[in-house]
């Protein structure tokens, strides 16, 4: 009997071909940089890098189009972390509940959502979610989770104005990937993403004909 479990190839009214997305060169805006040093650093293997005078803005703000919404804002968090477990496996279920408890105790500043033991949205296995709002939270929590996730799989994805892209191209997995019901994803209706660096909010709103449109306003 063919399994009814959703897969990455689920039928969808949306285009699931990654080729629909194009990418600017990583050197956009840096095309006229000075030649890079060829000297090696103190370890004798890696290269010396040129001095910048300041740290990258990525230490303080998520890179657009990832949302930079704060915890009290209406905007989306920068990243969602989904922790999965097999509800038919007693050990995984207990481990997930213990991990959920430990996260709430050690990271009380994070937004931690309830444990789901039945399919929830695109997530078929048992699952709970943690929201991350700053690069500092991301660096601390994800590196901690690398050690403490145990036997569980973890999906880390950003929140932009296109949730299909967020789950199709911008994902990071800790442990084996878990199939997602891709037909759930689309351009997000009724959401806002905040870009503090550019001082703008992008809002996605539903239209009368069933489509969506983006509105950008300065703040």
N, C-alpha and C. Protein backbone atom coordinates (compact mmCIF):
# COMPACT_ATOMS: atom_id res chain seq x y z
N UNK A 1 0.85 -1.19 0.00
CA UNK A 1 0.00 0.00 0.00
C UNK A 1 0.89 1.24 0.00
N UNK A 2 0.55 2.18 -0.84
CA UNK A 2 1.36 3.39 -0.94
C UNK A 2 1.13 4.26 0.29
N UNK A 3 2.21 4.78 0.85
CA UNK A 3 2.10 5.63 2.03
C UNK A 3 1.42 6.94 1.70
N UNK A 4 0.58 7.42 2.63
CA UNK A 4 -0.08 8.71 2.44
C UNK A 4 0.70 9.84 3.09
N UNK A 5 1.88 9.52 3.63
CA UNK A 5 2.69 10.54 4.29
C UNK A 5 3.12 11.60 3.27
N UNK A 6 2.95 12.90 3.59
CA UNK A 6 3.33 13.95 2.65
C UNK A 6 4.83 13.93 2.40
N UNK A 7 5.22 14.24 1.19
CA UNK A 7 6.63 14.28 0.83
C UNK A 7 6.95 15.62 0.19
N UNK A 8 8.23 15.81 -0.10
CA UNK A 8 8.66 17.04 -0.74
C UNK A 8 8.08 17.17 -2.14
N UNK A 9 7.51 16.09 -2.69
CA UNK A 9 6.97 16.12 -4.04
C UNK A 9 5.44 16.16 -4.03
N UNK A 10 4.83 16.54 -2.90
CA UNK A 10 3.38 16.59 -2.83
C UNK A 10 2.81 17.47 -3.94
N UNK A 11 1.62 17.08 -4.45
CA UNK A 11 0.96 17.91 -5.45
C UNK A 11 0.69 19.28 -4.85
N UNK A 12 0.90 20.31 -5.62
CA UNK A 12 0.75 21.66 -5.10
C UNK A 12 0.30 22.59 -6.21
N UNK A 13 -0.59 23.55 -5.89
CA UNK A 13 -0.96 24.54 -6.90
C UNK A 13 0.15 25.57 -7.11
N UNK A 14 1.22 25.47 -6.34
CA UNK A 14 2.31 26.43 -6.43
C UNK A 14 3.52 25.78 -7.09
N UNK A 15 4.36 26.61 -7.64
CA UNK A 15 5.55 26.13 -8.34
C UNK A 15 6.60 25.70 -7.33
N UNK A 16 6.91 24.39 -7.30
CA UNK A 16 7.89 23.87 -6.35
C UNK A 16 9.28 23.72 -6.97
N UNK A 17 9.46 24.23 -8.17
CA UNK A 17 10.76 24.12 -8.84
C UNK A 17 11.70 25.18 -8.29
N UNK A 18 12.81 24.77 -7.64
CA UNK A 18 13.74 25.78 -7.11
C UNK A 18 14.29 26.72 -8.17
N UNK A 19 14.24 26.29 -9.45
CA UNK A 19 14.79 27.12 -10.52
C UNK A 19 13.99 28.39 -10.74
N UNK A 20 12.80 28.49 -10.12
CA UNK A 20 12.00 29.71 -10.27
C UNK A 20 12.68 30.89 -9.57
N UNK A 21 13.59 30.60 -8.65
CA UNK A 21 14.26 31.65 -7.91
C UNK A 21 15.63 31.94 -8.52
N UNK A 22 15.97 33.20 -8.61
CA UNK A 22 17.29 33.60 -9.10
C UNK A 22 18.02 34.32 -7.97
N UNK A 23 19.33 34.42 -8.10
CA UNK A 23 20.14 34.96 -7.02
C UNK A 23 21.13 35.98 -7.56
N UNK A 24 21.24 37.09 -6.84
CA UNK A 24 22.29 38.06 -7.15
C UNK A 24 23.64 37.46 -6.78
N UNK A 25 24.69 37.97 -7.41
CA UNK A 25 26.03 37.54 -7.04
C UNK A 25 26.29 37.88 -5.58
N UNK A 26 26.95 36.99 -4.83
CA UNK A 26 27.32 37.32 -3.45
C UNK A 26 28.21 38.56 -3.36
N UNK A 27 28.84 38.94 -4.48
CA UNK A 27 29.72 40.11 -4.49
C UNK A 27 29.00 41.39 -4.90
N UNK A 28 27.67 41.35 -5.02
CA UNK A 28 26.94 42.56 -5.37
C UNK A 28 27.21 43.64 -4.32
N UNK A 29 27.67 44.80 -4.77
CA UNK A 29 28.03 45.89 -3.87
C UNK A 29 29.48 45.84 -3.42
N UNK A 30 30.16 44.75 -3.71
CA UNK A 30 31.56 44.57 -3.32
C UNK A 30 32.45 44.35 -4.54
N UNK A 31 31.95 44.67 -5.72
CA UNK A 31 32.66 44.35 -6.95
C UNK A 31 34.04 45.00 -7.04
N UNK A 32 34.22 46.14 -6.41
CA UNK A 32 35.46 46.90 -6.56
C UNK A 32 36.37 46.77 -5.34
N UNK A 33 36.29 45.62 -4.68
CA UNK A 33 37.12 45.41 -3.50
C UNK A 33 38.60 45.33 -3.89
N UNK A 34 39.46 45.65 -2.93
CA UNK A 34 40.90 45.53 -3.15
C UNK A 34 41.29 44.05 -3.23
N UNK A 35 42.41 43.75 -3.86
CA UNK A 35 42.85 42.34 -3.91
C UNK A 35 42.98 41.75 -2.51
N UNK A 36 42.58 40.51 -2.36
CA UNK A 36 42.65 39.86 -1.06
C UNK A 36 44.09 39.43 -0.75
N UNK A 37 44.49 39.51 0.52
CA UNK A 37 45.85 39.08 0.89
C UNK A 37 46.07 37.60 0.59
N UNK A 38 47.27 37.26 0.21
CA UNK A 38 47.64 35.86 -0.04
C UNK A 38 48.39 35.27 1.15
N UNK A 39 48.64 36.08 2.17
CA UNK A 39 49.39 35.60 3.33
C UNK A 39 48.51 34.71 4.20
N UNK A 40 49.15 33.82 4.95
CA UNK A 40 48.43 32.90 5.82
C UNK A 40 48.41 33.44 7.26
N UNK A 41 47.37 33.06 7.98
CA UNK A 41 47.23 33.48 9.37
C UNK A 41 48.09 32.62 10.27
N UNK A 42 47.98 32.83 11.57
CA UNK A 42 48.89 32.20 12.52
C UNK A 42 48.80 30.68 12.51
N UNK A 43 47.64 30.12 12.09
CA UNK A 43 47.55 28.66 12.07
C UNK A 43 48.26 28.04 10.87
N UNK A 44 48.73 28.90 9.95
CA UNK A 44 49.48 28.43 8.80
C UNK A 44 48.63 27.83 7.69
N UNK A 45 47.31 27.81 7.86
CA UNK A 45 46.43 27.19 6.87
C UNK A 45 45.41 28.18 6.30
N UNK A 46 44.73 28.91 7.18
CA UNK A 46 43.72 29.86 6.71
C UNK A 46 44.39 31.16 6.28
N UNK A 47 43.64 31.98 5.55
CA UNK A 47 44.18 33.22 5.01
C UNK A 47 43.97 34.40 5.96
N UNK A 48 44.89 35.35 5.91
CA UNK A 48 44.66 36.66 6.53
C UNK A 48 43.57 37.37 5.72
N UNK A 49 42.67 38.04 6.42
CA UNK A 49 41.62 38.80 5.75
C UNK A 49 41.85 40.29 5.92
N UNK A 50 41.35 41.10 4.99
CA UNK A 50 41.55 42.55 5.10
C UNK A 50 40.77 43.11 6.29
N UNK A 51 41.29 44.17 6.88
CA UNK A 51 40.60 44.84 7.98
C UNK A 51 39.40 45.62 7.45
N UNK A 52 38.29 45.59 8.20
CA UNK A 52 37.10 46.34 7.81
C UNK A 52 36.89 47.59 8.65
N UNK A 53 37.32 47.53 9.89
CA UNK A 53 37.09 48.65 10.78
C UNK A 53 35.84 48.49 11.62
N UNK A 54 34.93 47.62 11.19
CA UNK A 54 33.71 47.35 11.96
C UNK A 54 33.21 45.96 11.60
N UNK A 55 32.39 45.40 12.48
CA UNK A 55 31.83 44.08 12.22
C UNK A 55 30.70 44.16 11.21
N UNK A 56 30.43 43.06 10.56
CA UNK A 56 29.30 42.97 9.64
C UNK A 56 28.00 43.30 10.36
N UNK A 57 27.07 43.94 9.67
CA UNK A 57 25.75 44.24 10.24
C UNK A 57 24.99 42.96 10.58
N UNK A 58 25.41 41.83 10.00
CA UNK A 58 24.73 40.56 10.25
C UNK A 58 24.85 40.12 11.71
N UNK A 59 25.80 40.69 12.46
CA UNK A 59 25.90 40.37 13.88
C UNK A 59 24.74 40.97 14.67
N UNK A 60 24.15 42.04 14.16
CA UNK A 60 23.10 42.75 14.88
C UNK A 60 21.72 42.62 14.25
N UNK A 61 21.67 42.42 12.93
CA UNK A 61 20.39 42.35 12.22
C UNK A 61 20.40 41.19 11.24
N UNK A 62 19.25 40.52 11.10
CA UNK A 62 19.14 39.49 10.08
C UNK A 62 19.22 40.13 8.70
N UNK A 63 19.77 39.39 7.76
CA UNK A 63 19.95 39.88 6.40
C UNK A 63 18.61 39.92 5.66
N UNK A 64 18.23 41.06 5.06
CA UNK A 64 17.00 41.11 4.27
C UNK A 64 17.00 40.05 3.18
N UNK A 65 15.85 39.44 2.88
CA UNK A 65 14.50 39.81 3.32
C UNK A 65 14.03 39.13 4.60
N UNK A 66 14.94 38.59 5.42
CA UNK A 66 14.53 37.96 6.68
C UNK A 66 13.99 39.03 7.62
N UNK A 67 12.90 38.71 8.29
CA UNK A 67 12.26 39.67 9.19
C UNK A 67 13.14 39.98 10.39
N UNK A 68 13.14 41.25 10.79
CA UNK A 68 13.82 41.68 12.00
C UNK A 68 12.82 42.13 13.06
N UNK A 69 11.66 41.51 13.08
CA UNK A 69 10.63 41.88 14.05
C UNK A 69 11.06 41.56 15.46
N UNK A 70 10.73 42.46 16.41
CA UNK A 70 11.02 42.22 17.82
C UNK A 70 9.91 41.43 18.47
N UNK A 71 10.15 40.94 19.68
CA UNK A 71 9.18 40.07 20.34
C UNK A 71 7.83 40.75 20.54
N UNK A 72 7.82 42.06 20.77
CA UNK A 72 6.57 42.76 21.01
C UNK A 72 5.97 43.33 19.73
N UNK A 73 6.63 43.12 18.59
CA UNK A 73 6.14 43.65 17.33
C UNK A 73 5.11 42.71 16.72
N UNK A 74 4.38 43.22 15.73
CA UNK A 74 3.44 42.37 15.00
C UNK A 74 4.15 41.60 13.89
N UNK A 75 5.40 41.96 13.59
CA UNK A 75 6.11 41.30 12.51
C UNK A 75 6.51 39.87 12.90
N UNK A 76 6.87 39.11 11.89
CA UNK A 76 7.30 37.73 12.11
C UNK A 76 8.66 37.68 12.80
N UNK A 77 8.95 36.61 13.56
CA UNK A 77 10.32 36.42 14.05
C UNK A 77 11.25 36.16 12.89
N UNK A 78 12.55 36.36 13.11
CA UNK A 78 13.51 36.13 12.04
C UNK A 78 13.59 34.68 11.62
N UNK A 79 13.59 33.77 12.60
CA UNK A 79 13.71 32.34 12.31
C UNK A 79 12.75 31.54 13.17
N UNK A 80 12.24 30.45 12.59
CA UNK A 80 11.50 29.44 13.33
C UNK A 80 12.36 28.19 13.43
N UNK A 81 12.32 27.55 14.58
CA UNK A 81 13.02 26.29 14.81
C UNK A 81 11.97 25.23 15.14
N UNK A 82 11.86 24.20 14.30
CA UNK A 82 10.90 23.12 14.51
C UNK A 82 11.65 21.87 14.95
N UNK A 83 11.29 21.35 16.12
CA UNK A 83 11.91 20.14 16.66
C UNK A 83 10.92 18.99 16.50
N UNK A 84 11.33 17.93 15.78
CA UNK A 84 10.44 16.83 15.43
C UNK A 84 10.75 15.58 16.25
N UNK A 85 9.69 14.80 16.52
CA UNK A 85 9.88 13.51 17.17
C UNK A 85 8.82 12.53 16.67
N UNK A 86 9.14 11.25 16.75
CA UNK A 86 8.24 10.18 16.33
C UNK A 86 7.31 9.85 17.49
N UNK A 87 6.02 10.12 17.33
CA UNK A 87 5.07 9.91 18.43
C UNK A 87 4.87 8.43 18.76
N UNK A 88 5.30 7.53 17.87
CA UNK A 88 5.21 6.09 18.14
C UNK A 88 6.44 5.57 18.87
N UNK A 89 7.41 6.43 19.09
CA UNK A 89 8.65 6.06 19.76
C UNK A 89 8.65 6.68 21.15
N UNK A 90 8.50 5.84 22.17
CA UNK A 90 8.40 6.35 23.53
C UNK A 90 9.62 7.14 23.97
N UNK A 91 10.82 6.67 23.56
CA UNK A 91 12.04 7.36 23.94
C UNK A 91 12.10 8.75 23.32
N UNK A 92 11.80 8.87 22.02
CA UNK A 92 11.83 10.17 21.36
C UNK A 92 10.78 11.11 21.97
N UNK A 93 9.61 10.58 22.28
CA UNK A 93 8.55 11.41 22.85
C UNK A 93 8.97 11.96 24.21
N UNK A 94 9.56 11.11 25.06
CA UNK A 94 10.02 11.58 26.37
C UNK A 94 11.16 12.58 26.21
N UNK A 95 12.07 12.29 25.27
CA UNK A 95 13.20 13.19 25.06
C UNK A 95 12.71 14.56 24.60
N UNK A 96 11.72 14.57 23.69
CA UNK A 96 11.19 15.84 23.19
C UNK A 96 10.56 16.65 24.31
N UNK A 97 9.81 15.99 25.19
CA UNK A 97 9.18 16.72 26.31
C UNK A 97 10.23 17.25 27.28
N UNK A 98 11.27 16.45 27.53
CA UNK A 98 12.34 16.91 28.41
C UNK A 98 13.09 18.08 27.78
N UNK A 99 13.34 17.99 26.47
CA UNK A 99 14.04 19.07 25.78
C UNK A 99 13.22 20.35 25.79
N UNK A 100 11.93 20.23 25.55
CA UNK A 100 11.01 21.37 25.58
C UNK A 100 11.06 22.05 26.95
N UNK A 101 11.06 21.24 28.01
CA UNK A 101 11.13 21.77 29.37
C UNK A 101 12.46 22.47 29.61
N UNK A 102 13.55 21.84 29.19
CA UNK A 102 14.88 22.42 29.40
C UNK A 102 15.02 23.75 28.66
N UNK A 103 14.50 23.83 27.45
CA UNK A 103 14.58 25.08 26.69
C UNK A 103 13.86 26.20 27.42
N UNK A 104 12.68 25.91 27.96
CA UNK A 104 11.92 26.94 28.67
C UNK A 104 12.64 27.39 29.94
N UNK A 105 13.38 26.47 30.57
CA UNK A 105 14.12 26.81 31.78
C UNK A 105 15.39 27.59 31.47
N UNK A 106 16.12 27.16 30.43
CA UNK A 106 17.42 27.77 30.14
C UNK A 106 17.30 29.02 29.27
N UNK A 107 16.26 29.10 28.44
CA UNK A 107 16.08 30.24 27.54
C UNK A 107 14.70 30.87 27.75
N UNK A 108 14.42 31.42 28.94
CA UNK A 108 13.08 31.96 29.20
C UNK A 108 12.72 33.16 28.32
N UNK A 109 13.74 33.79 27.72
CA UNK A 109 13.48 34.95 26.86
C UNK A 109 12.96 34.55 25.48
N UNK A 110 13.06 33.27 25.13
CA UNK A 110 12.61 32.82 23.82
C UNK A 110 11.11 32.52 23.82
N UNK A 111 10.51 32.59 22.65
CA UNK A 111 9.10 32.24 22.49
C UNK A 111 9.02 30.76 22.15
N UNK A 112 8.46 29.95 23.06
CA UNK A 112 8.38 28.50 22.90
C UNK A 112 6.90 28.11 22.82
N UNK A 113 6.55 27.35 21.78
CA UNK A 113 5.15 27.01 21.52
C UNK A 113 4.82 25.61 22.03
N UNK A 114 3.52 25.26 22.10
CA UNK A 114 3.11 23.96 22.65
C UNK A 114 3.63 22.78 21.83
N UNK A 115 3.67 21.62 22.47
CA UNK A 115 4.05 20.38 21.81
C UNK A 115 2.83 19.83 21.07
N UNK A 116 3.03 19.48 19.79
CA UNK A 116 1.96 18.89 18.98
C UNK A 116 2.24 17.40 18.80
N UNK A 117 1.23 16.58 19.06
CA UNK A 117 1.37 15.14 18.88
C UNK A 117 0.53 14.62 17.71
N UNK A 118 -0.13 15.53 17.00
CA UNK A 118 -0.88 15.19 15.78
C UNK A 118 -0.40 16.14 14.70
N UNK A 119 -0.60 15.80 13.41
CA UNK A 119 -0.13 16.68 12.33
C UNK A 119 -0.61 18.11 12.52
N UNK A 120 0.29 19.05 12.27
CA UNK A 120 -0.01 20.47 12.46
C UNK A 120 0.54 21.24 11.26
N UNK A 121 -0.36 21.74 10.41
CA UNK A 121 0.08 22.45 9.22
C UNK A 121 0.88 21.52 8.32
N UNK A 122 2.06 21.94 7.89
CA UNK A 122 2.88 21.09 7.00
C UNK A 122 3.68 20.03 7.75
N UNK A 123 3.55 19.99 9.07
CA UNK A 123 4.39 19.13 9.90
C UNK A 123 3.61 17.88 10.30
N UNK A 124 4.01 16.71 9.77
CA UNK A 124 3.30 15.47 10.05
C UNK A 124 3.70 14.83 11.37
N UNK A 125 5.00 14.79 11.74
CA UNK A 125 5.39 14.13 13.00
C UNK A 125 5.03 14.99 14.21
N UNK A 126 5.31 14.44 15.41
CA UNK A 126 5.23 15.27 16.60
C UNK A 126 6.21 16.42 16.47
N UNK A 127 5.88 17.57 17.08
CA UNK A 127 6.71 18.75 16.83
C UNK A 127 6.44 19.82 17.87
N UNK A 128 7.49 20.59 18.21
CA UNK A 128 7.27 21.87 18.88
C UNK A 128 8.17 22.90 18.22
N UNK A 129 7.86 24.17 18.46
CA UNK A 129 8.49 25.26 17.72
C UNK A 129 9.05 26.30 18.68
N UNK A 130 10.19 26.87 18.30
CA UNK A 130 10.82 27.96 19.04
C UNK A 130 11.07 29.10 18.05
N UNK A 131 10.73 30.34 18.43
CA UNK A 131 10.93 31.50 17.56
C UNK A 131 12.16 32.28 18.01
N UNK A 132 12.95 32.72 17.02
CA UNK A 132 14.18 33.48 17.29
C UNK A 132 14.06 34.85 16.64
N UNK A 133 14.35 35.90 17.41
CA UNK A 133 14.11 37.27 16.95
C UNK A 133 15.38 38.07 16.68
N UNK A 134 16.54 37.58 17.10
CA UNK A 134 17.77 38.34 16.89
C UNK A 134 18.90 37.39 16.51
N UNK A 135 19.94 37.90 15.84
CA UNK A 135 21.11 37.05 15.56
C UNK A 135 21.76 36.51 16.82
N UNK A 136 21.72 37.27 17.92
CA UNK A 136 22.29 36.77 19.18
C UNK A 136 21.54 35.54 19.66
N UNK A 137 20.20 35.59 19.61
CA UNK A 137 19.41 34.42 19.99
C UNK A 137 19.70 33.25 19.07
N UNK A 138 19.80 33.52 17.78
CA UNK A 138 20.07 32.45 16.81
C UNK A 138 21.40 31.77 17.12
N UNK A 139 22.45 32.57 17.29
CA UNK A 139 23.77 32.00 17.53
C UNK A 139 23.83 31.18 18.81
N UNK A 140 23.22 31.71 19.87
CA UNK A 140 23.26 31.00 21.15
C UNK A 140 22.42 29.74 21.12
N UNK A 141 21.18 29.85 20.63
CA UNK A 141 20.26 28.73 20.73
C UNK A 141 20.58 27.61 19.74
N UNK A 142 20.87 27.96 18.49
CA UNK A 142 21.12 26.91 17.49
C UNK A 142 22.40 26.15 17.83
N UNK A 143 23.44 26.84 18.28
CA UNK A 143 24.67 26.13 18.66
C UNK A 143 24.42 25.24 19.88
N UNK A 144 23.59 25.69 20.81
CA UNK A 144 23.22 24.87 21.97
C UNK A 144 22.42 23.64 21.52
N UNK A 145 21.53 23.85 20.55
CA UNK A 145 20.66 22.76 20.10
C UNK A 145 21.44 21.70 19.33
N UNK A 146 22.52 22.08 18.68
CA UNK A 146 23.37 21.10 18.00
C UNK A 146 23.80 20.01 18.97
N UNK A 147 24.08 20.39 20.20
CA UNK A 147 24.53 19.44 21.22
C UNK A 147 23.35 18.72 21.87
N UNK A 148 22.25 19.44 22.10
CA UNK A 148 21.18 18.91 22.94
C UNK A 148 19.98 18.35 22.19
N UNK A 149 19.98 18.36 20.86
CA UNK A 149 18.81 17.83 20.14
C UNK A 149 18.70 16.32 20.27
N UNK A 150 19.80 15.64 20.63
CA UNK A 150 19.76 14.20 20.84
C UNK A 150 19.35 13.44 19.59
N UNK A 151 18.32 12.56 19.67
CA UNK A 151 17.92 11.75 18.52
C UNK A 151 16.91 12.45 17.62
N UNK A 152 16.62 13.71 17.89
CA UNK A 152 15.54 14.40 17.19
C UNK A 152 16.07 15.19 15.99
N UNK A 153 15.23 15.33 14.97
CA UNK A 153 15.55 16.17 13.81
C UNK A 153 15.02 17.57 14.04
N UNK A 154 15.75 18.55 13.51
CA UNK A 154 15.39 19.95 13.72
C UNK A 154 15.44 20.69 12.38
N UNK A 155 14.38 21.42 12.08
CA UNK A 155 14.34 22.30 10.91
C UNK A 155 14.49 23.74 11.37
N UNK A 156 15.43 24.46 10.77
CA UNK A 156 15.61 25.89 11.03
C UNK A 156 15.34 26.61 9.72
N UNK A 157 14.39 27.54 9.72
CA UNK A 157 14.10 28.28 8.49
C UNK A 157 13.82 29.74 8.81
N UNK A 158 14.12 30.64 7.88
CA UNK A 158 13.84 32.06 8.10
C UNK A 158 12.38 32.37 7.82
N UNK A 159 11.96 33.56 8.20
CA UNK A 159 10.65 34.08 7.85
C UNK A 159 10.83 35.31 6.97
N UNK A 160 10.39 35.18 5.72
CA UNK A 160 10.39 36.30 4.79
C UNK A 160 8.95 36.49 4.31
N UNK A 161 8.77 37.19 3.20
CA UNK A 161 7.42 37.37 2.67
C UNK A 161 7.03 36.23 1.72
N UNK A 162 7.83 35.17 1.65
CA UNK A 162 7.56 34.05 0.74
C UNK A 162 7.86 32.75 1.49
N UNK A 163 6.83 32.15 2.09
CA UNK A 163 7.08 30.98 2.93
C UNK A 163 7.44 29.74 2.12
N UNK A 164 7.06 29.70 0.84
CA UNK A 164 7.50 28.59 0.00
C UNK A 164 9.01 28.61 -0.14
N UNK A 165 9.57 29.76 -0.45
CA UNK A 165 11.03 29.89 -0.55
C UNK A 165 11.70 29.59 0.79
N UNK A 166 11.07 30.04 1.89
CA UNK A 166 11.65 29.81 3.21
C UNK A 166 11.85 28.32 3.48
N UNK A 167 10.88 27.49 3.02
CA UNK A 167 10.92 26.06 3.31
C UNK A 167 11.52 25.23 2.16
N UNK A 168 11.68 25.84 0.98
CA UNK A 168 12.19 25.12 -0.18
C UNK A 168 13.68 25.32 -0.37
N UNK A 169 14.16 26.55 -0.15
CA UNK A 169 15.55 26.89 -0.47
C UNK A 169 16.36 27.38 0.73
N UNK A 170 15.71 27.90 1.75
CA UNK A 170 16.44 28.57 2.83
C UNK A 170 16.46 27.76 4.12
N UNK A 171 16.29 26.46 4.02
CA UNK A 171 16.23 25.62 5.21
C UNK A 171 17.62 25.17 5.66
N UNK A 172 17.71 24.86 6.95
CA UNK A 172 18.90 24.24 7.52
C UNK A 172 18.41 23.11 8.43
N UNK A 173 18.97 21.92 8.26
CA UNK A 173 18.55 20.76 9.04
C UNK A 173 19.64 20.33 10.01
N UNK A 174 19.22 20.02 11.22
CA UNK A 174 20.07 19.32 12.19
C UNK A 174 19.51 17.91 12.27
N UNK A 175 20.29 16.92 11.86
CA UNK A 175 19.78 15.57 11.80
C UNK A 175 19.11 15.31 10.46
N UNK A 176 18.54 14.11 10.28
CA UNK A 176 17.92 13.75 9.00
C UNK A 176 16.72 14.64 8.70
N UNK A 177 16.56 15.09 7.44
CA UNK A 177 15.39 15.89 7.07
C UNK A 177 14.09 15.11 7.26
N UNK A 178 13.04 15.83 7.57
CA UNK A 178 11.70 15.27 7.75
C UNK A 178 10.83 15.76 6.59
N UNK A 179 10.07 14.87 5.93
CA UNK A 179 9.21 15.31 4.83
C UNK A 179 8.19 16.36 5.29
N UNK A 180 8.00 17.38 4.46
CA UNK A 180 7.02 18.42 4.74
C UNK A 180 5.93 18.38 3.68
N UNK A 181 4.74 18.80 4.06
CA UNK A 181 3.63 18.89 3.12
C UNK A 181 3.76 20.21 2.37
N UNK A 182 4.45 20.18 1.23
CA UNK A 182 4.81 21.41 0.53
C UNK A 182 3.61 22.14 -0.06
N UNK A 183 2.48 21.46 -0.21
CA UNK A 183 1.32 22.15 -0.79
C UNK A 183 0.75 23.20 0.16
N UNK A 184 1.24 23.21 1.39
CA UNK A 184 0.78 24.21 2.35
C UNK A 184 1.41 25.57 2.13
N UNK A 185 2.51 25.61 1.40
CA UNK A 185 3.30 26.83 1.34
C UNK A 185 2.95 27.69 0.14
N UNK A 186 3.05 28.99 0.32
CA UNK A 186 2.74 29.95 -0.73
C UNK A 186 3.31 31.30 -0.31
N UNK A 187 3.01 32.32 -1.10
CA UNK A 187 3.34 33.67 -0.66
C UNK A 187 2.44 33.98 0.53
N UNK A 188 3.02 34.39 1.64
CA UNK A 188 2.25 34.53 2.87
C UNK A 188 1.15 35.57 2.74
N UNK A 189 -0.11 35.20 2.99
CA UNK A 189 -1.16 36.21 3.03
C UNK A 189 -1.19 36.89 4.40
N UNK A 190 -1.42 38.17 4.39
CA UNK A 190 -1.59 38.92 5.64
C UNK A 190 -0.42 38.75 6.60
N UNK A 191 0.76 39.16 6.18
CA UNK A 191 1.90 39.14 7.09
C UNK A 191 2.74 40.38 6.86
N UNK A 192 3.57 40.69 7.84
CA UNK A 192 4.48 41.82 7.73
C UNK A 192 5.89 41.37 8.09
N UNK A 193 6.86 41.83 7.33
CA UNK A 193 8.26 41.60 7.67
C UNK A 193 8.95 42.94 7.82
N UNK A 194 9.71 43.08 8.89
CA UNK A 194 10.35 44.34 9.24
C UNK A 194 11.82 44.32 8.86
N UNK A 195 12.27 45.37 8.21
CA UNK A 195 13.68 45.55 7.86
C UNK A 195 14.15 46.83 8.54
N UNK A 196 14.75 46.69 9.72
CA UNK A 196 15.17 47.88 10.47
C UNK A 196 16.26 48.65 9.75
N UNK A 197 17.18 47.93 9.09
CA UNK A 197 18.30 48.60 8.44
C UNK A 197 17.82 49.54 7.34
N UNK A 198 16.85 49.08 6.56
CA UNK A 198 16.32 49.91 5.47
C UNK A 198 15.15 50.78 5.92
N UNK A 199 14.70 50.58 7.15
CA UNK A 199 13.61 51.38 7.67
C UNK A 199 12.31 51.17 6.91
N UNK A 200 11.97 49.91 6.64
CA UNK A 200 10.76 49.65 5.87
C UNK A 200 10.06 48.40 6.39
N UNK A 201 8.77 48.33 6.10
CA UNK A 201 7.96 47.15 6.39
C UNK A 201 7.33 46.68 5.09
N UNK A 202 7.50 45.40 4.78
CA UNK A 202 6.84 44.80 3.62
C UNK A 202 5.63 44.04 4.12
N UNK A 203 4.47 44.39 3.61
CA UNK A 203 3.23 43.73 4.01
C UNK A 203 2.67 42.96 2.82
N UNK A 204 2.30 41.72 3.06
CA UNK A 204 1.66 40.89 2.04
C UNK A 204 0.19 40.82 2.38
N UNK A 205 -0.67 41.21 1.45
CA UNK A 205 -2.11 41.24 1.71
C UNK A 205 -2.84 40.46 0.63
N UNK A 206 -3.96 39.85 1.02
CA UNK A 206 -4.78 39.11 0.07
C UNK A 206 -5.58 40.09 -0.79
N UNK A 207 -5.78 39.74 -2.05
CA UNK A 207 -6.57 40.56 -2.96
C UNK A 207 -7.94 39.93 -3.18
N UNK A 208 -8.87 40.71 -3.73
CA UNK A 208 -10.24 40.24 -3.90
C UNK A 208 -10.34 39.04 -4.84
N UNK A 209 -9.39 38.91 -5.77
CA UNK A 209 -9.44 37.81 -6.73
C UNK A 209 -8.75 36.55 -6.22
N UNK A 210 -8.38 36.54 -4.92
CA UNK A 210 -7.76 35.36 -4.35
C UNK A 210 -6.25 35.35 -4.43
N UNK A 211 -5.66 36.38 -5.01
CA UNK A 211 -4.21 36.47 -5.09
C UNK A 211 -3.63 37.21 -3.90
N UNK A 212 -2.39 37.61 -4.03
CA UNK A 212 -1.73 38.39 -2.98
C UNK A 212 -0.93 39.51 -3.64
N UNK A 213 -0.67 40.55 -2.87
CA UNK A 213 0.19 41.62 -3.35
C UNK A 213 1.06 42.11 -2.21
N UNK A 214 2.20 42.71 -2.56
CA UNK A 214 3.12 43.24 -1.57
C UNK A 214 3.01 44.76 -1.52
N UNK A 215 3.02 45.28 -0.30
CA UNK A 215 3.06 46.71 -0.10
C UNK A 215 4.26 47.04 0.78
N UNK A 216 5.08 47.99 0.35
CA UNK A 216 6.26 48.38 1.12
C UNK A 216 6.07 49.81 1.59
N UNK A 217 6.28 50.04 2.89
CA UNK A 217 6.19 51.40 3.42
C UNK A 217 7.39 51.68 4.31
N UNK A 218 7.81 52.94 4.31
CA UNK A 218 8.93 53.37 5.13
C UNK A 218 8.46 53.65 6.54
N UNK A 219 9.35 53.44 7.52
CA UNK A 219 9.00 53.71 8.91
C UNK A 219 10.02 54.65 9.52
